[in-house]
Amino acid sequence: MAAPTRPVRAVLFDLDGTLVQTRTASWEIFSRINDRFDLGVDSPQRYYELFQGNVFESIRRICRNQAHAAAVTDAFLALLREDYAPPLVPGVSDVVRTLAGHCTLAVMSSNAMQVLRRVLTDNGLAYCFAHVFGGDVAPDKRTAITSFLADAGSGFGRRCSADYDETGKVLPPDPAATVLVTDTAGDVRDALAAGIRAVGVAWGMHGVEELTAAGAEFVALWPQELSAHLLGDAAAAGPVGACALPATTAAPARPGGCGCGCDGKDQTQPSVPARRQRRRTAVASLAAPAPISSAVPDELLAAIVRVCEGA
C-alpha cells in the first residue's frame, strides 16, 4: 500500500497490546473474574476473542442479563485498578518520545484511568501525552475519537513536559491527519467508522491478516516501524527537544511514586525554575543543527527562543 500523503498531526494510541504487553497480565486478571462469575471463558484464546469488538460489549453479550453484566464489568475494572501493571513493549518508549516531538499524542483505552496513569507515569511517559481517555470516561474508542475530534483544543500537544503548546496557532484536529494505533481489529473498525486512519501492530491480540482485513492502512511488525510510517524521513532524527531528555534518572522512586526519577515528588505542579529549565533545555536542543531539515521557519524558531529565554 502506498504511503499516506497527508502529514500526521495526531496519533491516538491504544494501551493494552499496543503500548504494553497485555496477553498474560490481562488474562490473569480476567480469569479471576471468569471463575467468580462463571462466564465460561475457560482459556486465554477465548478471552482474546472478546477483543474482536469492544471488550466490554463482548463481556455483556456473554452475561445472563444487564445486572449480571454490570456486576462483572465493575468487578473487572476494580481488579484492573488494583492489580494490573503490565510491562511496556520493548522499544515503544523511544517511539512515543519521537512522535511526541512532531504530533499531538493521546491514549484511548477500555482500561481504567487509574491504570493508564500508573502505566504512563511508571514508565516516564505521562507528559508525552496530551489527552487520555479511559474506559471509565469514554465507553468505547469511537466515542473517545469523536470527543477528541470535536474539541478544537485537542490540537494542542505536549512535548514530554507538563506544559501544553502555547503557540496559539495550532489547528483543530483533522481526521485525515489523525491515526489510531492499535492491536485489535475492532479498534481498527471503530477508527474508520469515526473517520480517521488506523495503523495496526502485530505484537498484540490480533495478527497482521486480521488487522489488514479490518482496514488498517499499515501493520507494524516492530515498534520502530511506527515512527518510520507516520513521520517518514523525520523519524531518523529520533526524539527532539525535551523529548530527547532521559525518561529516568538514577534516583529511585518512592513507593507509590511515578518511577520517573522525581524522588517521589508530585510533578503535576513543577516549580517555576524547573519549568523554565525544561524550556531552555528544549530550546537548546531545537537550536542545535538537526540531521534533517526542519519544517519550523527560522523566524518562528527565533521567536520561540526569545520567549523561552525571557520566561
C-alpha atoms as a PDB file:
ATOM      1  CA  MET A   1       0.000   0.000   0.000  1.00  0.00           C
ATOM      2  CA  ALA A   2       1.309   3.451  -0.869  1.00  0.00           C
ATOM      3  CA  ALA A   3       2.452   5.688   1.970  1.00  0.00           C
ATOM      4  CA  PRO A   4      -0.146   8.250   3.081  1.00  0.00           C
ATOM      5  CA  THR A   5       0.292  11.702   1.581  1.00  0.00           C
ATOM      6  CA  ARG A   6      -1.320  13.738   4.390  1.00  0.00           C
ATOM      7  CA  PRO A   7       1.202  14.536   7.183  1.00  0.00           C
ATOM      8  CA  VAL A   8       0.184  13.047  10.532  1.00  0.00           C
ATOM      9  CA  ARG A   9      -0.662  15.644  13.201  1.00  0.00           C
ATOM     10  CA  ALA A  10      -2.294  13.461  15.893  1.00  0.00           C
ATOM     11  CA  VAL A  11      -1.544   9.889  16.961  1.00  0.00           C
ATOM     12  CA  LEU A  12      -4.006   8.110  19.232  1.00  0.00           C
ATOM     13  CA  PHE A  13      -2.625   5.016  20.954  1.00  0.00           C
ATOM     14  CA  ASP A  14      -4.486   2.052  22.323  1.00  0.00           C
ATOM     15  CA  LEU A  15      -2.880   0.869  25.580  1.00  0.00           C
ATOM     16  CA  ASP A  16      -3.246  -2.869  26.067  1.00  0.00           C
ATOM     17  CA  GLY A  17      -1.362  -4.914  23.493  1.00  0.00           C
ATOM     18  CA  THR A  18      -0.103  -1.752  21.782  1.00  0.00           C
ATOM     19  CA  LEU A  19       1.927   0.209  24.345  1.00  0.00           C
ATOM     20  CA  VAL A  20       2.087  -2.580  26.936  1.00  0.00           C
ATOM     21  CA  GLN A  21       2.354  -6.366  26.809  1.00  0.00           C
ATOM     22  CA  THR A  22      -1.092  -7.438  27.842  1.00  0.00           C
ATOM     23  CA  ARG A  23      -1.844 -11.065  26.978  1.00  0.00           C
ATOM     24  CA  THR A  24      -0.611 -12.730  30.156  1.00  0.00           C
ATOM     25  CA  ALA A  25      -1.223  -9.829  32.549  1.00  0.00           C
ATOM     26  CA  SER A  26      -4.765  -9.196  31.286  1.00  0.00           C
ATOM     27  CA  TRP A  27      -5.767 -12.867  31.176  1.00  0.00           C
ATOM     28  CA  GLU A  28      -4.555 -13.396  34.743  1.00  0.00           C
ATOM     29  CA  ILE A  29      -6.936 -10.641  35.876  1.00  0.00           C
ATOM     30  CA  PHE A  30      -9.876 -11.779  33.764  1.00  0.00           C
ATOM     31  CA  SER A  31      -9.527 -15.463  34.698  1.00  0.00           C
ATOM     32  CA  ARG A  32     -10.315 -14.479  38.291  1.00  0.00           C
ATOM     33  CA  ILE A  33     -13.445 -12.690  37.089  1.00  0.00           C
ATOM     34  CA  ASN A  34     -14.377 -15.670  34.922  1.00  0.00           C
ATOM     35  CA  ASP A  35     -14.119 -18.051  37.862  1.00  0.00           C
ATOM     36  CA  ARG A  36     -16.027 -15.745  40.179  1.00  0.00           C
ATOM     37  CA  PHE A  37     -18.943 -15.156  37.800  1.00  0.00           C
ATOM     38  CA  ASP A  38     -18.882 -18.475  35.883  1.00  0.00           C
ATOM     39  CA  LEU A  39     -18.661 -16.818  32.460  1.00  0.00           C
ATOM     40  CA  GLY A  40     -17.432 -19.878  30.581  1.00  0.00           C
ATOM     41  CA  VAL A  41     -14.371 -18.139  29.138  1.00  0.00           C
ATOM     42  CA  ASP A  42     -12.108 -21.022  30.100  1.00  0.00           C
ATOM     43  CA  SER A  43      -8.976 -20.338  28.035  1.00  0.00           C
ATOM     44  CA  PRO A  44      -6.780 -17.404  27.069  1.00  0.00           C
ATOM     45  CA  GLN A  45      -7.738 -17.845  23.404  1.00  0.00           C
ATOM     46  CA  ARG A  46     -11.453 -17.498  24.180  1.00  0.00           C
ATOM     47  CA  TYR A  47     -10.657 -14.375  26.183  1.00  0.00           C
ATOM     48  CA  TYR A  48      -8.673 -12.873  23.297  1.00  0.00           C
ATOM     49  CA  GLU A  49     -11.676 -13.437  21.015  1.00  0.00           C
ATOM     50  CA  LEU A  50     -13.628 -10.941  23.142  1.00  0.00           C
ATOM     51  CA  PHE A  51     -11.431  -8.226  21.640  1.00  0.00           C
ATOM     52  CA  GLN A  52     -12.839  -8.694  18.132  1.00  0.00           C
ATOM     53  CA  GLY A  53     -15.081  -5.799  19.202  1.00  0.00           C
ATOM     54  CA  ASN A  54     -15.154  -3.580  22.289  1.00  0.00           C
ATOM     55  CA  VAL A  55     -14.227  -5.916  25.144  1.00  0.00           C
ATOM     56  CA  PHE A  56     -16.929  -4.643  27.490  1.00  0.00           C
ATOM     57  CA  GLU A  57     -19.606  -5.048  24.827  1.00  0.00           C
ATOM     58  CA  SER A  58     -18.332  -8.603  24.294  1.00  0.00           C
ATOM     59  CA  ILE A  59     -18.488  -9.272  28.023  1.00  0.00           C
ATOM     60  CA  ARG A  60     -22.078  -8.013  28.164  1.00  0.00           C
ATOM     61  CA  ARG A  61     -23.063 -10.474  25.443  1.00  0.00           C
ATOM     62  CA  ILE A  62     -21.865 -13.474  27.472  1.00  0.00           C
ATOM     63  CA  CYS A  63     -23.587 -12.338  30.670  1.00  0.00           C
ATOM     64  CA  ARG A  64     -27.038 -13.529  31.738  1.00  0.00           C
ATOM     65  CA  ASN A  65     -28.650 -10.102  31.928  1.00  0.00           C
ATOM     66  CA  GLN A  66     -27.909  -6.405  32.369  1.00  0.00           C
ATOM     67  CA  ALA A  67     -27.454  -6.644  36.139  1.00  0.00           C
ATOM     68  CA  HIS A  68     -25.035  -9.548  35.740  1.00  0.00           C
ATOM     69  CA  ALA A  69     -23.084  -7.625  33.078  1.00  0.00           C
ATOM     70  CA  ALA A  70     -22.844  -4.547  35.318  1.00  0.00           C
ATOM     71  CA  ALA A  71     -21.517  -6.622  38.227  1.00  0.00           C
ATOM     72  CA  VAL A  72     -18.940  -8.343  36.000  1.00  0.00           C
ATOM     73  CA  THR A  73     -17.770  -5.060  34.461  1.00  0.00           C
ATOM     74  CA  ASP A  74     -17.465  -3.339  37.844  1.00  0.00           C
ATOM     75  CA  ALA A  75     -15.504  -6.252  39.308  1.00  0.00           C
ATOM     76  CA  PHE A  76     -13.210  -6.433  36.271  1.00  0.00           C
ATOM     77  CA  LEU A  77     -12.423  -2.709  36.388  1.00  0.00           C
ATOM     78  CA  ALA A  78     -11.838  -2.887  40.151  1.00  0.00           C
ATOM     79  CA  LEU A  79      -9.281  -5.678  39.743  1.00  0.00           C
ATOM     80  CA  LEU A  80      -7.585  -3.826  36.893  1.00  0.00           C
ATOM     81  CA  ARG A  81      -7.275  -0.697  39.037  1.00  0.00           C
ATOM     82  CA  GLU A  82      -5.810  -2.699  41.892  1.00  0.00           C
ATOM     83  CA  ASP A  83      -3.523  -5.300  40.315  1.00  0.00           C
ATOM     84  CA  TYR A  84      -2.881  -4.606  36.620  1.00  0.00           C
ATOM     85  CA  ALA A  85       0.671  -3.402  35.904  1.00  0.00           C
ATOM     86  CA  PRO A  86       1.848  -4.820  32.555  1.00  0.00           C
ATOM     87  CA  PRO A  87       5.344  -4.140  31.174  1.00  0.00           C
ATOM     88  CA  LEU A  88       5.900  -1.676  28.339  1.00  0.00           C
ATOM     89  CA  VAL A  89       6.520  -3.178  24.894  1.00  0.00           C
ATOM     90  CA  PRO A  90      10.305  -3.012  24.297  1.00  0.00           C
ATOM     91  CA  GLY A  91      11.188  -0.082  22.044  1.00  0.00           C
ATOM     92  CA  VAL A  92       7.860   1.710  22.441  1.00  0.00           C
ATOM     93  CA  SER A  93       9.192   4.380  24.805  1.00  0.00           C
ATOM     94  CA  ASP A  94      11.593   5.783  22.196  1.00  0.00           C
ATOM     95  CA  VAL A  95       8.866   5.649  19.537  1.00  0.00           C
ATOM     96  CA  VAL A  96       6.473   7.627  21.753  1.00  0.00           C
ATOM     97  CA  ARG A  97       9.125  10.241  22.507  1.00  0.00           C
ATOM     98  CA  THR A  98       9.977  10.578  18.832  1.00  0.00           C
ATOM     99  CA  LEU A  99       6.335  11.043  17.841  1.00  0.00           C
ATOM    100  CA  ALA A 100       5.658  13.498  20.694  1.00  0.00           C
ATOM    101  CA  GLY A 101       8.117  15.967  19.171  1.00  0.00           C
ATOM    102  CA  HIS A 102       6.039  16.152  15.987  1.00  0.00           C
ATOM    103  CA  CYS A 103       2.436  15.208  16.829  1.00  0.00           C
ATOM    104  CA  THR A 104      -0.244  15.547  19.471  1.00  0.00           C
ATOM    105  CA  LEU A 105      -0.462  12.199  21.270  1.00  0.00           C
ATOM    106  CA  ALA A 106      -3.375  10.633  23.140  1.00  0.00           C
ATOM    107  CA  VAL A 107      -4.186   7.290  24.751  1.00  0.00           C
ATOM    108  CA  MET A 108      -7.607   5.688  24.277  1.00  0.00           C
ATOM    109  CA  SER A 109      -8.289   2.513  26.214  1.00  0.00           C
ATOM    110  CA  SER A 110     -11.048   0.352  27.654  1.00  0.00           C
ATOM    111  CA  ASN A 111      -8.928   0.211  30.782  1.00  0.00           C
ATOM    112  CA  ALA A 112      -9.485   2.412  33.837  1.00  0.00           C
ATOM    113  CA  MET A 113      -7.980   5.900  34.115  1.00  0.00           C
ATOM    114  CA  GLN A 114      -6.150   4.832  37.266  1.00  0.00           C
ATOM    115  CA  VAL A 115      -4.403   2.089  35.290  1.00  0.00           C
ATOM    116  CA  LEU A 116      -3.471   4.470  32.473  1.00  0.00           C
ATOM    117  CA  ARG A 117      -1.949   6.913  34.930  1.00  0.00           C
ATOM    118  CA  ARG A 118       0.024   4.182  36.685  1.00  0.00           C
ATOM    119  CA  VAL A 119       1.404   2.715  33.455  1.00  0.00           C
ATOM    120  CA  LEU A 120       2.364   6.047  31.876  1.00  0.00           C
ATOM    121  CA  THR A 121       3.936   7.573  34.998  1.00  0.00           C
ATOM    122  CA  ASP A 122       5.792   4.386  35.954  1.00  0.00           C
ATOM    123  CA  ASN A 123       7.390   4.391  32.504  1.00  0.00           C
ATOM    124  CA  GLY A 124       8.176   8.114  32.387  1.00  0.00           C
ATOM    125  CA  LEU A 125       5.783   8.814  29.501  1.00  0.00           C
ATOM    126  CA  ALA A 126       2.932  10.705  31.193  1.00  0.00           C
ATOM    127  CA  TYR A 127       3.874  14.118  29.767  1.00  0.00           C
ATOM    128  CA  CYS A 128       4.325  12.817  26.231  1.00  0.00           C
ATOM    129  CA  PHE A 129       0.539  12.512  26.021  1.00  0.00           C
ATOM    130  CA  ALA A 130      -1.786  15.496  25.841  1.00  0.00           C
ATOM    131  CA  HIS A 131      -5.021  13.557  26.327  1.00  0.00           C
ATOM    132  CA  VAL A 132      -6.076  10.269  27.947  1.00  0.00           C
ATOM    133  CA  PHE A 133      -9.461   8.562  27.556  1.00  0.00           C
ATOM    134  CA  GLY A 134     -10.071   5.601  29.868  1.00  0.00           C
ATOM    135  CA  GLY A 135     -12.966   3.182  29.809  1.00  0.00           C
ATOM    136  CA  ASP A 136     -14.482   4.902  32.819  1.00  0.00           C
ATOM    137  CA  VAL A 137     -14.763   8.245  30.962  1.00  0.00           C
ATOM    138  CA  ALA A 138     -15.436   7.018  27.387  1.00  0.00           C
ATOM    139  CA  PRO A 139     -17.338   3.756  26.818  1.00  0.00           C
ATOM    140  CA  ASP A 140     -15.562   2.857  23.570  1.00  0.00           C
ATOM    141  CA  LYS A 141     -12.953   4.028  21.070  1.00  0.00           C
ATOM    142  CA  ARG A 142     -15.487   5.525  18.700  1.00  0.00           C
ATOM    143  CA  THR A 143     -16.854   7.789  21.440  1.00  0.00           C
ATOM    144  CA  ALA A 144     -13.339   8.795  22.519  1.00  0.00           C
ATOM    145  CA  ILE A 145     -12.303   9.585  18.939  1.00  0.00           C
ATOM    146  CA  THR A 146     -15.442  11.661  18.391  1.00  0.00           C
ATOM    147  CA  SER A 147     -14.734  13.631  21.584  1.00  0.00           C
ATOM    148  CA  PHE A 148     -11.133  14.223  20.519  1.00  0.00           C
ATOM    149  CA  LEU A 149     -12.120  15.490  17.072  1.00  0.00           C
ATOM    150  CA  ALA A 150     -14.913  17.698  18.409  1.00  0.00           C
ATOM    151  CA  ASP A 151     -12.634  19.666  20.758  1.00  0.00           C
ATOM    152  CA  ALA A 152     -10.658  22.340  18.932  1.00  0.00           C
ATOM    153  CA  GLY A 153      -8.213  22.323  21.844  1.00  0.00           C
ATOM    154  CA  SER A 154      -7.207  18.756  21.023  1.00  0.00           C
ATOM    155  CA  GLY A 155      -4.778  20.175  18.502  1.00  0.00           C
ATOM    156  CA  PHE A 156      -2.565  21.381  21.354  1.00  0.00           C
ATOM    157  CA  GLY A 157       0.014  18.773  22.306  1.00  0.00           C
ATOM    158  CA  ARG A 158       2.682  18.121  24.894  1.00  0.00           C
ATOM    159  CA  ARG A 159       6.381  17.733  24.170  1.00  0.00           C
ATOM    160  CA  CYS A 160       7.402  15.492  27.083  1.00  0.00           C
ATOM    161  CA  SER A 161       6.881  18.201  29.713  1.00  0.00           C
ATOM    162  CA  ALA A 162       3.878  19.308  31.750  1.00  0.00           C
ATOM    163  CA  ASP A 163       3.308  22.394  29.571  1.00  0.00           C
ATOM    164  CA  TYR A 164       0.906  22.284  26.641  1.00  0.00           C
ATOM    165  CA  ASP A 165       1.664  24.021  23.329  1.00  0.00           C
ATOM    166  CA  GLU A 166       1.382  27.785  23.735  1.00  0.00           C
ATOM    167  CA  THR A 167       1.887  28.947  20.147  1.00  0.00           C
ATOM    168  CA  GLY A 168      -1.757  29.943  19.713  1.00  0.00           C
ATOM    169  CA  LYS A 169      -1.591  28.806  16.080  1.00  0.00           C
ATOM    170  CA  VAL A 170      -2.376  25.104  16.464  1.00  0.00           C
ATOM    171  CA  LEU A 171      -5.047  23.927  14.028  1.00  0.00           C
ATOM    172  CA  PRO A 172      -8.054  21.891  15.206  1.00  0.00           C
ATOM    173  CA  PRO A 173      -7.880  18.116  14.711  1.00  0.00           C
ATOM    174  CA  ASP A 174      -8.026  16.942  11.108  1.00  0.00           C
ATOM    175  CA  PRO A 175      -9.491  13.416  10.694  1.00  0.00           C
ATOM    176  CA  ALA A 176      -7.323  12.778   7.624  1.00  0.00           C
ATOM    177  CA  ALA A 177      -4.210  13.598   9.682  1.00  0.00           C
ATOM    178  CA  THR A 178      -5.294  11.629  12.762  1.00  0.00           C
ATOM    179  CA  VAL A 179      -4.261   7.986  13.241  1.00  0.00           C
ATOM    180  CA  LEU A 180      -5.277   5.352  15.789  1.00  0.00           C
ATOM    181  CA  VAL A 181      -2.526   2.825  16.549  1.00  0.00           C
ATOM    182  CA  THR A 182      -3.962  -0.422  17.896  1.00  0.00           C
ATOM    183  CA  ASP A 183      -3.599  -4.186  18.140  1.00  0.00           C
ATOM    184  CA  THR A 184      -7.261  -5.187  17.621  1.00  0.00           C
ATOM    185  CA  ALA A 185      -9.484  -5.466  14.577  1.00  0.00           C
ATOM    186  CA  GLY A 186     -12.412  -3.974  16.483  1.00  0.00           C
ATOM    187  CA  ASP A 187     -10.458  -0.795  17.176  1.00  0.00           C
ATOM    188  CA  VAL A 188      -9.475  -0.528  13.515  1.00  0.00           C
ATOM    189  CA  ARG A 189     -13.131  -0.678  12.517  1.00  0.00           C
ATOM    190  CA  ASP A 190     -14.054   1.913  15.169  1.00  0.00           C
ATOM    191  CA  ALA A 191     -11.366   4.283  13.882  1.00  0.00           C
ATOM    192  CA  LEU A 192     -12.514   4.007  10.289  1.00  0.00           C
ATOM    193  CA  ALA A 193     -16.158   4.438  11.322  1.00  0.00           C
ATOM    194  CA  ALA A 194     -15.171   7.621  13.170  1.00  0.00           C
ATOM    195  CA  GLY A 195     -13.499   8.948  10.011  1.00  0.00           C
ATOM    196  CA  ILE A 196      -9.822   8.682  10.973  1.00  0.00           C
ATOM    197  CA  ARG A 197      -6.999   6.407   9.849  1.00  0.00           C
ATOM    198  CA  ALA A 198      -5.844   3.210  11.543  1.00  0.00           C
ATOM    199  CA  VAL A 199      -2.454   1.533  11.897  1.00  0.00           C
ATOM    200  CA  GLY A 200      -2.065  -1.911  13.430  1.00  0.00           C
ATOM    201  CA  VAL A 201       0.678  -3.550  15.492  1.00  0.00           C
ATOM    202  CA  ALA A 202       1.406  -7.254  15.165  1.00  0.00           C
ATOM    203  CA  TRP A 203       2.538  -7.934  18.748  1.00  0.00           C
ATOM    204  CA  GLY A 204      -0.864  -7.688  20.443  1.00  0.00           C
ATOM    205  CA  MET A 205      -4.191  -9.518  20.350  1.00  0.00           C
ATOM    206  CA  HIS A 206      -4.667  -9.824  16.568  1.00  0.00           C
ATOM    207  CA  GLY A 207      -2.323 -10.694  13.733  1.00  0.00           C
ATOM    208  CA  VAL A 208      -1.385  -8.962  10.507  1.00  0.00           C
ATOM    209  CA  GLU A 209      -4.104 -10.661   8.456  1.00  0.00           C
ATOM    210  CA  GLU A 210      -6.920  -9.769  10.864  1.00  0.00           C
ATOM    211  CA  LEU A 211      -5.802  -6.153  11.203  1.00  0.00           C
ATOM    212  CA  THR A 212      -5.354  -5.728   7.455  1.00  0.00           C
ATOM    213  CA  ALA A 213      -8.746  -7.297   6.737  1.00  0.00           C
ATOM    214  CA  ALA A 214     -10.331  -4.847   9.200  1.00  0.00           C
ATOM    215  CA  GLY A 215      -8.907  -1.948   7.171  1.00  0.00           C
ATOM    216  CA  ALA A 216      -5.569  -0.983   8.757  1.00  0.00           C
ATOM    217  CA  GLU A 217      -3.502   1.058   6.282  1.00  0.00           C
ATOM    218  CA  PHE A 218      -0.306  -0.488   7.679  1.00  0.00           C
ATOM    219  CA  VAL A 219       0.623  -3.112  10.287  1.00  0.00           C
ATOM    220  CA  ALA A 220       3.940  -2.683  12.112  1.00  0.00           C
ATOM    221  CA  LEU A 221       5.981  -5.778  12.912  1.00  0.00           C
ATOM    222  CA  TRP A 222       8.362  -3.777  15.123  1.00  0.00           C
ATOM    223  CA  PRO A 223       7.718  -0.608  17.166  1.00  0.00           C
ATOM    224  CA  GLN A 224      10.276   1.380  15.179  1.00  0.00           C
ATOM    225  CA  GLU A 225       8.197   0.900  12.042  1.00  0.00           C
ATOM    226  CA  LEU A 226       5.542   3.140  13.564  1.00  0.00           C
ATOM    227  CA  SER A 227       7.880   6.144  13.568  1.00  0.00           C
ATOM    228  CA  ALA A 228       9.027   5.439  10.029  1.00  0.00           C
ATOM    229  CA  HIS A 229       5.487   5.016   8.682  1.00  0.00           C
ATOM    230  CA  LEU A 230       3.966   8.016  10.450  1.00  0.00           C
ATOM    231  CA  LEU A 231       6.846  10.508  10.173  1.00  0.00           C
ATOM    232  CA  GLY A 232       8.764   9.394   7.104  1.00  0.00           C
ATOM    233  CA  ASP A 233      12.340  10.689   6.960  1.00  0.00           C
ATOM    234  CA  ALA A 234      11.783  12.871  10.048  1.00  0.00           C
ATOM    235  CA  ALA A 235      11.825   9.706  12.176  1.00  0.00           C
ATOM    236  CA  ALA A 236      15.586   9.428  11.644  1.00  0.00           C
ATOM    237  CA  ALA A 237      16.200  12.369  13.977  1.00  0.00           C
ATOM    238  CA  GLY A 238      14.734  10.457  16.916  1.00  0.00           C
ATOM    239  CA  PRO A 239      13.369  12.307  19.969  1.00  0.00           C
ATOM    240  CA  VAL A 240      13.931  16.082  19.870  1.00  0.00           C
ATOM    241  CA  GLY A 241      13.710  18.938  22.382  1.00  0.00           C
ATOM    242  CA  ALA A 242      12.541  17.960  25.857  1.00  0.00           C
ATOM    243  CA  CYS A 243      11.588  14.536  24.497  1.00  0.00           C
ATOM    244  CA  ALA A 244      15.270  13.774  23.979  1.00  0.00           C
ATOM    245  CA  LEU A 245      15.948  14.028  27.720  1.00  0.00           C
ATOM    246  CA  PRO A 246      16.274  10.749  29.624  1.00  0.00           C
ATOM    247  CA  ALA A 247      12.966   9.362  30.851  1.00  0.00           C
ATOM    248  CA  THR A 248      14.506   8.368  34.201  1.00  0.00           C
ATOM    249  CA  THR A 249      17.445   9.228  36.422  1.00  0.00           C
ATOM    250  CA  ALA A 250      19.369   7.200  38.952  1.00  0.00           C
ATOM    251  CA  ALA A 251      17.081   8.389  41.737  1.00  0.00           C
ATOM    252  CA  PRO A 252      14.772   5.585  42.876  1.00  0.00           C
ATOM    253  CA  ALA A 253      11.047   6.237  43.046  1.00  0.00           C
ATOM    254  CA  ARG A 254       9.411   6.097  46.454  1.00  0.00           C
ATOM    255  CA  PRO A 255       6.537   3.630  46.921  1.00  0.00           C
ATOM    256  CA  GLY A 256       3.563   4.984  45.028  1.00  0.00           C
ATOM    257  CA  GLY A 257       5.765   7.418  43.097  1.00  0.00           C
ATOM    258  CA  CYS A 258       5.847   7.790  39.354  1.00  0.00           C
ATOM    259  CA  GLY A 259       9.126   5.946  38.729  1.00  0.00           C
ATOM    260  CA  CYS A 260      10.438   8.780  36.571  1.00  0.00           C
ATOM    261  CA  GLY A 261      13.337   9.887  38.756  1.00  0.00           C
ATOM    262  CA  CYS A 262      11.457  12.697  40.506  1.00  0.00           C
ATOM    263  CA  ASP A 263      12.282  11.440  44.040  1.00  0.00           C
ATOM    264  CA  GLY A 264       8.588  10.797  44.603  1.00  0.00           C
ATOM    265  CA  LYS A 265       7.645  14.476  44.370  1.00  0.00           C
ATOM    266  CA  ASP A 266       4.387  15.427  42.700  1.00  0.00           C
ATOM    267  CA  GLN A 267       5.152  16.594  39.175  1.00  0.00           C
ATOM    268  CA  THR A 268       1.694  17.904  38.441  1.00  0.00           C
ATOM    269  CA  GLN A 269       2.753  21.383  39.633  1.00  0.00           C
ATOM    270  CA  PRO A 270       6.500  21.700  38.975  1.00  0.00           C
ATOM    271  CA  SER A 271       8.317  24.719  40.300  1.00  0.00           C
ATOM    272  CA  VAL A 272       8.758  27.744  38.073  1.00  0.00           C
ATOM    273  CA  PRO A 273      12.570  27.325  37.902  1.00  0.00           C
ATOM    274  CA  ALA A 274      12.153  23.682  36.893  1.00  0.00           C
ATOM    275  CA  ARG A 275       9.672  24.605  34.164  1.00  0.00           C
ATOM    276  CA  ARG A 276      11.998  27.328  32.859  1.00  0.00           C
ATOM    277  CA  GLN A 277      14.954  24.953  32.835  1.00  0.00           C
ATOM    278  CA  ARG A 278      12.985  22.374  30.838  1.00  0.00           C
ATOM    279  CA  ARG A 279      12.013  25.002  28.285  1.00  0.00           C
ATOM    280  CA  ARG A 280      15.605  26.245  27.955  1.00  0.00           C
ATOM    281  CA  THR A 281      16.919  22.700  27.583  1.00  0.00           C
ATOM    282  CA  ALA A 282      14.353  22.017  24.881  1.00  0.00           C
ATOM    283  CA  VAL A 283      15.214  25.258  23.086  1.00  0.00           C
ATOM    284  CA  ALA A 284      18.925  24.448  23.194  1.00  0.00           C
ATOM    285  CA  SER A 285      18.169  21.112  21.569  1.00  0.00           C
ATOM    286  CA  LEU A 286      15.988  22.715  18.918  1.00  0.00           C
ATOM    287  CA  ALA A 287      18.633  25.331  18.144  1.00  0.00           C
ATOM    288  CA  ALA A 288      21.310  22.660  17.566  1.00  0.00           C
ATOM    289  CA  PRO A 289      21.950  21.559  13.975  1.00  0.00           C
ATOM    290  CA  ALA A 290      19.488  18.820  13.057  1.00  0.00           C
ATOM    291  CA  PRO A 291      20.372  15.822  10.897  1.00  0.00           C
ATOM    292  CA  ILE A 292      17.358  16.572   8.711  1.00  0.00           C
ATOM    293  CA  SER A 293      15.828  19.811   7.507  1.00  0.00           C
ATOM    294  CA  SER A 294      13.374  21.404   9.964  1.00  0.00           C
ATOM    295  CA  ALA A 295       9.861  22.429   8.963  1.00  0.00           C
ATOM    296  CA  VAL A 296       9.928  25.281  11.509  1.00  0.00           C
ATOM    297  CA  PRO A 297      10.678  28.664   9.892  1.00  0.00           C
ATOM    298  CA  ASP A 298      13.813  30.411  11.173  1.00  0.00           C
ATOM    299  CA  GLU A 299      11.858  33.452  12.333  1.00  0.00           C
ATOM    300  CA  LEU A 300       9.428  31.308  14.320  1.00  0.00           C
ATOM    301  CA  LEU A 301      12.265  29.411  15.980  1.00  0.00           C
ATOM    302  CA  ALA A 302      13.929  32.689  16.864  1.00  0.00           C
ATOM    303  CA  ALA A 303      10.706  33.942  18.423  1.00  0.00           C
ATOM    304  CA  ILE A 304      10.401  30.768  20.493  1.00  0.00           C
ATOM    305  CA  VAL A 305      13.965  31.187  21.733  1.00  0.00           C
ATOM    306  CA  ARG A 306      13.277  34.804  22.763  1.00  0.00           C
ATOM    307  CA  VAL A 307      10.112  33.850  24.657  1.00  0.00           C
ATOM    308  CA  CYS A 308      11.707  30.916  26.473  1.00  0.00           C
ATOM    309  CA  GLU A 309      14.840  32.842  27.420  1.00  0.00           C
ATOM    310  CA  GLY A 310      12.655  35.549  28.916  1.00  0.00           C
ATOM    311  CA  ALA A 311      10.451  33.061  30.855  1.00  0.00           C
END
